[in-house]
Structure formats: C-alpha cells, structure tokens
Amino acid sequence: MAYQYKKSLFWDVDRNRLSPDKDWFFIVERILEFGDIDDLVWLKETFSKEKIKNTVQKSRILSDKTRAYCKASGYAS
C-alpha cells in the first residue's frame, strides 16, 4: 500500500505534488517533528539513514526533543 501523506502533516502544501525523490528533506523534517509511529516506520523504510541524518543535522525546525529521539535512535551524533 502506498503511503498517503497525512493532511495533518502537510496541510500547507499540495500533497499530490510531493515527491520522495525531490522533496525528501521537507518530508523527513515534517515526519520527524510531527509524525506518529506509523509515519516513522514508513520514513525508515523509505529514506536512507544518511538522508535522515542529513536532515537532522541541517534542519532548523526540529525541536530538542526530536533531536534527542534521533540521537537515541542512531540518526544523529
């Protein structure tokens, strides 16, 4: 089953135009900060660990709690 971008996560963009190949940074950032466990499972299955790490390192919107989760999960140093 294909992932359906949640309206609650991507309320401000046209979800039909989101592409995991082109918009990966934006998608990873939103899911890390606002997603639930199902979103995180999809995220880890869809994006490489390197892309997730890159997002955690470069994002300017991730909260301290999200960064702590990512560090505990091995997605940040």
PDB file of N, CA and C in Angstrom:
ATOM      1  N   MET A   1       0.834  -1.176   0.000  1.00  0.00           N
ATOM      2  CA  MET A   1       0.000   0.000   0.000  1.00  0.00           C
ATOM      3  C   MET A   1       0.886   1.249   0.000  1.00  0.00           C
ATOM      4  N   ALA A   2       0.574   2.184  -0.839  1.00  0.00           N
ATOM      5  CA  ALA A   2       1.336   3.419  -0.928  1.00  0.00           C
ATOM      6  C   ALA A   2       1.010   4.322   0.258  1.00  0.00           C
ATOM      7  N   TYR A   3       2.010   5.017   0.689  1.00  0.00           N
ATOM      8  CA  TYR A   3       1.848   5.953   1.800  1.00  0.00           C
ATOM      9  C   TYR A   3       1.004   7.135   1.341  1.00  0.00           C
ATOM     10  N   GLN A   4       0.021   7.490   2.131  1.00  0.00           N
ATOM     11  CA  GLN A   4      -0.788   8.667   1.865  1.00  0.00           C
ATOM     12  C   GLN A   4      -0.323   9.779   2.786  1.00  0.00           C
ATOM     13  N   TYR A   5       0.173  10.845   2.217  1.00  0.00           N
ATOM     14  CA  TYR A   5       0.644  11.957   3.045  1.00  0.00           C
ATOM     15  C   TYR A   5      -0.524  12.514   3.837  1.00  0.00           C
ATOM     16  N   LYS A   6      -0.345  12.574   5.132  1.00  0.00           N
ATOM     17  CA  LYS A   6      -1.422  12.999   6.021  1.00  0.00           C
ATOM     18  C   LYS A   6      -1.693  14.490   5.902  1.00  0.00           C
ATOM     19  N   LYS A   7      -2.949  14.802   5.866  1.00  0.00           N
ATOM     20  CA  LYS A   7      -3.370  16.196   5.802  1.00  0.00           C
ATOM     21  C   LYS A   7      -2.845  16.969   7.013  1.00  0.00           C
ATOM     22  N   SER A   8      -2.821  16.325   8.170  1.00  0.00           N
ATOM     23  CA  SER A   8      -2.371  16.996   9.393  1.00  0.00           C
ATOM     24  C   SER A   8      -0.879  17.335   9.365  1.00  0.00           C
ATOM     25  N   LEU A   9      -0.099  16.588   8.592  1.00  0.00           N
ATOM     26  CA  LEU A   9       1.337  16.857   8.494  1.00  0.00           C
ATOM     27  C   LEU A   9       1.675  17.826   7.368  1.00  0.00           C
ATOM     28  N   PHE A  10       0.910  17.747   6.306  1.00  0.00           N
ATOM     29  CA  PHE A  10       1.213  18.523   5.100  1.00  0.00           C
ATOM     30  C   PHE A  10       0.021  19.386   4.701  1.00  0.00           C
ATOM     31  N   TRP A  11      -0.542  20.062   5.670  1.00  0.00           N
ATOM     32  CA  TRP A  11      -1.735  20.875   5.472  1.00  0.00           C
ATOM     33  C   TRP A  11      -1.479  22.100   4.599  1.00  0.00           C
ATOM     34  N   ASP A  12      -0.240  22.554   4.530  1.00  0.00           N
ATOM     35  CA  ASP A  12       0.068  23.803   3.846  1.00  0.00           C
ATOM     36  C   ASP A  12       0.632  23.621   2.438  1.00  0.00           C
ATOM     37  N   VAL A  13       0.683  22.381   1.961  1.00  0.00           N
ATOM     38  CA  VAL A  13       1.203  22.114   0.617  1.00  0.00           C
ATOM     39  C   VAL A  13       0.240  21.184  -0.122  1.00  0.00           C
ATOM     40  N   ASP A  14       0.382  21.123  -1.437  1.00  0.00           N
ATOM     41  CA  ASP A  14      -0.398  20.200  -2.244  1.00  0.00           C
ATOM     42  C   ASP A  14       0.231  18.815  -2.097  1.00  0.00           C
ATOM     43  N   ARG A  15      -0.428  17.955  -1.334  1.00  0.00           N
ATOM     44  CA  ARG A  15       0.124  16.627  -1.036  1.00  0.00           C
ATOM     45  C   ARG A  15       0.290  15.777  -2.286  1.00  0.00           C
ATOM     46  N   ASN A  16      -0.490  16.032  -3.315  1.00  0.00           N
ATOM     47  CA  ASN A  16      -0.384  15.260  -4.554  1.00  0.00           C
ATOM     48  C   ASN A  16       0.889  15.578  -5.330  1.00  0.00           C
ATOM     49  N   ARG A  17       1.506  16.699  -5.022  1.00  0.00           N
ATOM     50  CA  ARG A  17       2.715  17.104  -5.734  1.00  0.00           C
ATOM     51  C   ARG A  17       3.993  16.756  -4.974  1.00  0.00           C
ATOM     52  N   LEU A  18       3.867  16.215  -3.768  1.00  0.00           N
ATOM     53  CA  LEU A  18       5.054  15.826  -3.003  1.00  0.00           C
ATOM     54  C   LEU A  18       5.713  14.597  -3.619  1.00  0.00           C
ATOM     55  N   SER A  19       7.011  14.646  -3.706  1.00  0.00           N
ATOM     56  CA  SER A  19       7.772  13.531  -4.263  1.00  0.00           C
ATOM     57  C   SER A  19       8.882  13.135  -3.292  1.00  0.00           C
ATOM     58  N   PRO A  20       8.930  11.870  -2.894  1.00  0.00           N
ATOM     59  CA  PRO A  20      10.013  11.434  -2.004  1.00  0.00           C
ATOM     60  C   PRO A  20      11.402  11.661  -2.611  1.00  0.00           C
ATOM     61  N   ASP A  21      11.499  11.667  -3.929  1.00  0.00           N
ATOM     62  CA  ASP A  21      12.789  11.878  -4.582  1.00  0.00           C
ATOM     63  C   ASP A  21      13.213  13.341  -4.549  1.00  0.00           C
ATOM     64  N   LYS A  22      12.275  14.243  -4.771  1.00  0.00           N
ATOM     65  CA  LYS A  22      12.601  15.672  -4.843  1.00  0.00           C
ATOM     66  C   LYS A  22      12.443  16.389  -3.508  1.00  0.00           C
ATOM     67  N   ASP A  23      11.453  16.006  -2.731  1.00  0.00           N
ATOM     68  CA  ASP A  23      11.094  16.730  -1.509  1.00  0.00           C
ATOM     69  C   ASP A  23      11.473  15.980  -0.242  1.00  0.00           C
ATOM     70  N   TRP A  24      12.472  15.127  -0.325  1.00  0.00           N
ATOM     71  CA  TRP A  24      12.794  14.256   0.803  1.00  0.00           C
ATOM     72  C   TRP A  24      13.141  15.027   2.073  1.00  0.00           C
ATOM     73  N   PHE A  25      13.890  16.124   1.970  1.00  0.00           N
ATOM     74  CA  PHE A  25      14.282  16.872   3.168  1.00  0.00           C
ATOM     75  C   PHE A  25      13.043  17.400   3.892  1.00  0.00           C
ATOM     76  N   PHE A  26      12.153  18.017   3.147  1.00  0.00           N
ATOM     77  CA  PHE A  26      10.922  18.563   3.704  1.00  0.00           C
ATOM     78  C   PHE A  26      10.058  17.462   4.329  1.00  0.00           C
ATOM     79  N   ILE A  27       9.909  16.344   3.645  1.00  0.00           N
ATOM     80  CA  ILE A  27       9.086  15.236   4.130  1.00  0.00           C
ATOM     81  C   ILE A  27       9.686  14.649   5.406  1.00  0.00           C
ATOM     82  N   VAL A  28      10.978  14.387   5.394  1.00  0.00           N
ATOM     83  CA  VAL A  28      11.643  13.814   6.573  1.00  0.00           C
ATOM     84  C   VAL A  28      11.509  14.755   7.765  1.00  0.00           C
ATOM     85  N   GLU A  29      11.733  16.016   7.530  1.00  0.00           N
ATOM     86  CA  GLU A  29      11.645  17.019   8.591  1.00  0.00           C
ATOM     87  C   GLU A  29      10.250  17.040   9.222  1.00  0.00           C
ATOM     88  N   ARG A  30       9.224  17.081   8.411  1.00  0.00           N
ATOM     89  CA  ARG A  30       7.856  17.131   8.923  1.00  0.00           C
ATOM     90  C   ARG A  30       7.494  15.862   9.687  1.00  0.00           C
ATOM     91  N   ILE A  31       7.865  14.719   9.146  1.00  0.00           N
ATOM     92  CA  ILE A  31       7.519  13.466   9.818  1.00  0.00           C
ATOM     93  C   ILE A  31       8.273  13.323  11.135  1.00  0.00           C
ATOM     94  N   LEU A  32       9.541  13.671  11.150  1.00  0.00           N
ATOM     95  CA  LEU A  32      10.294  13.582  12.406  1.00  0.00           C
ATOM     96  C   LEU A  32       9.676  14.478  13.479  1.00  0.00           C
ATOM     97  N   GLU A  33       9.297  15.667  13.109  1.00  0.00           N
ATOM     98  CA  GLU A  33       8.808  16.622  14.094  1.00  0.00           C
ATOM     99  C   GLU A  33       7.353  16.401  14.489  1.00  0.00           C
ATOM    100  N   PHE A  34       6.509  16.001  13.548  1.00  0.00           N
ATOM    101  CA  PHE A  34       5.074  15.965  13.821  1.00  0.00           C
ATOM    102  C   PHE A  34       4.408  14.605  13.590  1.00  0.00           C
ATOM    103  N   GLY A  35       5.138  13.629  13.070  1.00  0.00           N
ATOM    104  CA  GLY A  35       4.536  12.348  12.731  1.00  0.00           C
ATOM    105  C   GLY A  35       4.315  11.435  13.916  1.00  0.00           C
ATOM    106  N   ASP A  36       3.534  10.379  13.669  1.00  0.00           N
ATOM    107  CA  ASP A  36       3.299   9.363  14.690  1.00  0.00           C
ATOM    108  C   ASP A  36       4.144   8.127  14.371  1.00  0.00           C
ATOM    109  N   ILE A  37       3.938   7.071  15.107  1.00  0.00           N
ATOM    110  CA  ILE A  37       4.781   5.873  14.957  1.00  0.00           C
ATOM    111  C   ILE A  37       4.653   5.257  13.558  1.00  0.00           C
ATOM    112  N   ASP A  38       3.452   5.257  12.990  1.00  0.00           N
ATOM    113  CA  ASP A  38       3.277   4.716  11.637  1.00  0.00           C
ATOM    114  C   ASP A  38       4.057   5.539  10.613  1.00  0.00           C
ATOM    115  N   ASP A  39       4.059   6.849  10.800  1.00  0.00           N
ATOM    116  CA  ASP A  39       4.825   7.717   9.904  1.00  0.00           C
ATOM    117  C   ASP A  39       6.321   7.431  10.031  1.00  0.00           C
ATOM    118  N   LEU A  40       6.792   7.233  11.250  1.00  0.00           N
ATOM    119  CA  LEU A  40       8.212   6.952  11.462  1.00  0.00           C
ATOM    120  C   LEU A  40       8.623   5.610  10.851  1.00  0.00           C
ATOM    121  N   VAL A  41       7.753   4.632  10.947  1.00  0.00           N
ATOM    122  CA  VAL A  41       8.043   3.328  10.326  1.00  0.00           C
ATOM    123  C   VAL A  41       8.185   3.498   8.826  1.00  0.00           C
ATOM    124  N   TRP A  42       7.244   4.210   8.209  1.00  0.00           N
ATOM    125  CA  TRP A  42       7.303   4.460   6.766  1.00  0.00           C
ATOM    126  C   TRP A  42       8.571   5.229   6.412  1.00  0.00           C
ATOM    127  N   LEU A  43       8.892   6.230   7.210  1.00  0.00           N
ATOM    128  CA  LEU A  43      10.079   7.059   6.985  1.00  0.00           C
ATOM    129  C   LEU A  43      11.336   6.200   6.932  1.00  0.00           C
ATOM    130  N   LYS A  44      11.491   5.323   7.916  1.00  0.00           N
ATOM    131  CA  LYS A  44      12.683   4.487   7.996  1.00  0.00           C
ATOM    132  C   LYS A  44      12.753   3.450   6.877  1.00  0.00           C
ATOM    133  N   GLU A  45      11.584   3.047   6.361  1.00  0.00           N
ATOM    134  CA  GLU A  45      11.549   2.100   5.247  1.00  0.00           C
ATOM    135  C   GLU A  45      11.813   2.793   3.909  1.00  0.00           C
ATOM    136  N   THR A  46      11.512   4.074   3.833  1.00  0.00           N
ATOM    137  CA  THR A  46      11.551   4.801   2.566  1.00  0.00           C
ATOM    138  C   THR A  46      12.851   5.559   2.332  1.00  0.00           C
ATOM    139  N   PHE A  47      13.389   6.152   3.380  1.00  0.00           N
ATOM    140  CA  PHE A  47      14.569   7.003   3.239  1.00  0.00           C
ATOM    141  C   PHE A  47      15.789   6.354   3.888  1.00  0.00           C
ATOM    142  N   SER A  48      16.934   6.598   3.287  1.00  0.00           N
ATOM    143  CA  SER A  48      18.182   6.034   3.820  1.00  0.00           C
ATOM    144  C   SER A  48      18.538   6.700   5.151  1.00  0.00           C
ATOM    145  N   LYS A  49      19.331   5.986   5.916  1.00  0.00           N
ATOM    146  CA  LYS A  49      19.793   6.523   7.189  1.00  0.00           C
ATOM    147  C   LYS A  49      20.583   7.814   6.964  1.00  0.00           C
ATOM    148  N   GLU A  50      21.299   7.875   5.871  1.00  0.00           N
ATOM    149  CA  GLU A  50      22.088   9.067   5.547  1.00  0.00           C
ATOM    150  C   GLU A  50      21.195  10.281   5.295  1.00  0.00           C
ATOM    151  N   LYS A  51      20.083  10.102   4.603  1.00  0.00           N
ATOM    152  CA  LYS A  51      19.170  11.217   4.354  1.00  0.00           C
ATOM    153  C   LYS A  51      18.531  11.692   5.653  1.00  0.00           C
ATOM    154  N   ILE A  52      18.190  10.754   6.510  1.00  0.00           N
ATOM    155  CA  ILE A  52      17.596  11.126   7.798  1.00  0.00           C
ATOM    156  C   ILE A  52      18.628  11.870   8.639  1.00  0.00           C
ATOM    157  N   LYS A  53      19.843  11.351   8.701  1.00  0.00           N
ATOM    158  CA  LYS A  53      20.918  12.024   9.451  1.00  0.00           C
ATOM    159  C   LYS A  53      21.174  13.421   8.900  1.00  0.00           C
ATOM    160  N   ASN A  54      21.221  13.539   7.586  1.00  0.00           N
ATOM    161  CA  ASN A  54      21.454  14.820   6.940  1.00  0.00           C
ATOM    162  C   ASN A  54      20.370  15.820   7.334  1.00  0.00           C
ATOM    163  N   THR A  55      19.137  15.372   7.353  1.00  0.00           N
ATOM    164  CA  THR A  55      18.032  16.245   7.732  1.00  0.00           C
ATOM    165  C   THR A  55      18.158  16.687   9.179  1.00  0.00           C
ATOM    166  N   VAL A  56      18.468  15.759  10.067  1.00  0.00           N
ATOM    167  CA  VAL A  56      18.610  16.098  11.487  1.00  0.00           C
ATOM    168  C   VAL A  56      19.735  17.119  11.675  1.00  0.00           C
ATOM    169  N   GLN A  57      20.829  16.945  10.973  1.00  0.00           N
ATOM    170  CA  GLN A  57      21.966  17.854  11.110  1.00  0.00           C
ATOM    171  C   GLN A  57      21.678  19.249  10.556  1.00  0.00           C
ATOM    172  N   LYS A  58      20.924  19.338   9.468  1.00  0.00           N
ATOM    173  CA  LYS A  58      20.743  20.624   8.785  1.00  0.00           C
ATOM    174  C   LYS A  58      19.422  21.333   9.077  1.00  0.00           C
ATOM    175  N   SER A  59      18.473  20.635   9.655  1.00  0.00           N
ATOM    176  CA  SER A  59      17.170  21.241   9.895  1.00  0.00           C
ATOM    177  C   SER A  59      17.254  22.364  10.916  1.00  0.00           C
ATOM    178  N   ARG A  60      16.453  23.387  10.675  1.00  0.00           N
ATOM    179  CA  ARG A  60      16.378  24.494  11.620  1.00  0.00           C
ATOM    180  C   ARG A  60      15.050  24.504  12.368  1.00  0.00           C
ATOM    181  N   ILE A  61      14.195  23.506  12.114  1.00  0.00           N
ATOM    182  CA  ILE A  61      12.899  23.493  12.804  1.00  0.00           C
ATOM    183  C   ILE A  61      12.752  22.370  13.827  1.00  0.00           C
ATOM    184  N   LEU A  62      13.643  21.400  13.820  1.00  0.00           N
ATOM    185  CA  LEU A  62      13.481  20.271  14.725  1.00  0.00           C
ATOM    186  C   LEU A  62      13.682  20.693  16.177  1.00  0.00           C
ATOM    187  N   SER A  63      12.797  20.219  17.030  1.00  0.00           N
ATOM    188  CA  SER A  63      12.874  20.553  18.452  1.00  0.00           C
ATOM    189  C   SER A  63      13.988  19.757  19.134  1.00  0.00           C
ATOM    190  N   ASP A  64      14.325  20.173  20.341  1.00  0.00           N
ATOM    191  CA  ASP A  64      15.329  19.453  21.120  1.00  0.00           C
ATOM    192  C   ASP A  64      14.873  18.028  21.411  1.00  0.00           C
ATOM    193  N   LYS A  65      13.582  17.849  21.649  1.00  0.00           N
ATOM    194  CA  LYS A  65      13.055  16.501  21.914  1.00  0.00           C
ATOM    195  C   LYS A  65      13.221  15.604  20.690  1.00  0.00           C
ATOM    196  N   THR A  66      12.933  16.150  19.515  1.00  0.00           N
ATOM    197  CA  THR A  66      13.079  15.367  18.288  1.00  0.00           C
ATOM    198  C   THR A  66      14.542  15.021  18.058  1.00  0.00           C
ATOM    199  N   ARG A  67      15.412  15.970  18.276  1.00  0.00           N
ATOM    200  CA  ARG A  67      16.851  15.710  18.113  1.00  0.00           C
ATOM    201  C   ARG A  67      17.339  14.648  19.106  1.00  0.00           C
ATOM    202  N   ALA A  68      16.828  14.686  20.330  1.00  0.00           N
ATOM    203  CA  ALA A  68      17.187  13.679  21.333  1.00  0.00           C
ATOM    204  C   ALA A  68      16.705  12.291  20.903  1.00  0.00           C
ATOM    205  N   TYR A  69      15.488  12.212  20.365  1.00  0.00           N
ATOM    206  CA  TYR A  69      14.969  10.938  19.845  1.00  0.00           C
ATOM    207  C   TYR A  69      15.860  10.427  18.732  1.00  0.00           C
ATOM    208  N   CYS A  70      16.214  11.319  17.802  1.00  0.00           N
ATOM    209  CA  CYS A  70      17.045  10.917  16.675  1.00  0.00           C
ATOM    210  C   CYS A  70      18.424  10.433  17.144  1.00  0.00           C
ATOM    211  N   LYS A  71      18.968  11.091  18.134  1.00  0.00           N
ATOM    212  CA  LYS A  71      20.259  10.670  18.668  1.00  0.00           C
ATOM    213  C   LYS A  71      20.148   9.291  19.322  1.00  0.00           C
ATOM    214  N   ALA A  72      19.100   9.080  20.095  1.00  0.00           N
ATOM    215  CA  ALA A  72      18.887   7.784  20.762  1.00  0.00           C
ATOM    216  C   ALA A  72      18.622   6.680  19.748  1.00  0.00           C
ATOM    217  N   SER A  73      18.055   7.038  18.596  1.00  0.00           N
ATOM    218  CA  SER A  73      17.736   6.061  17.549  1.00  0.00           C
ATOM    219  C   SER A  73      18.894   5.836  16.596  1.00  0.00           C
ATOM    220  N   GLY A  74      19.985   6.575  16.782  1.00  0.00           N
ATOM    221  CA  GLY A  74      21.141   6.408  15.923  1.00  0.00           C
ATOM    222  C   GLY A  74      21.090   7.224  14.657  1.00  0.00           C
ATOM    223  N   TYR A  75      20.224   8.235  14.611  1.00  0.00           N
ATOM    224  CA  TYR A  75      20.107   9.068  13.424  1.00  0.00           C
ATOM    225  C   TYR A  75      20.755  10.433  13.597  1.00  0.00           C
ATOM    226  N   ALA A  76      21.486  10.611  14.664  1.00  0.00           N
ATOM    227  CA  ALA A  76      22.231  11.858  14.887  1.00  0.00           C
ATOM    228  C   ALA A  76      23.397  11.539  15.803  1.00  0.00           C
ATOM    229  N   SER A  77      24.387  12.389  15.724  1.00  0.00           N
ATOM    230  CA  SER A  77      25.534  12.168  16.608  1.00  0.00           C
ATOM    231  C   SER A  77      25.629  13.257  17.645  1.00  0.00           C
TER     232      SER A  77
END
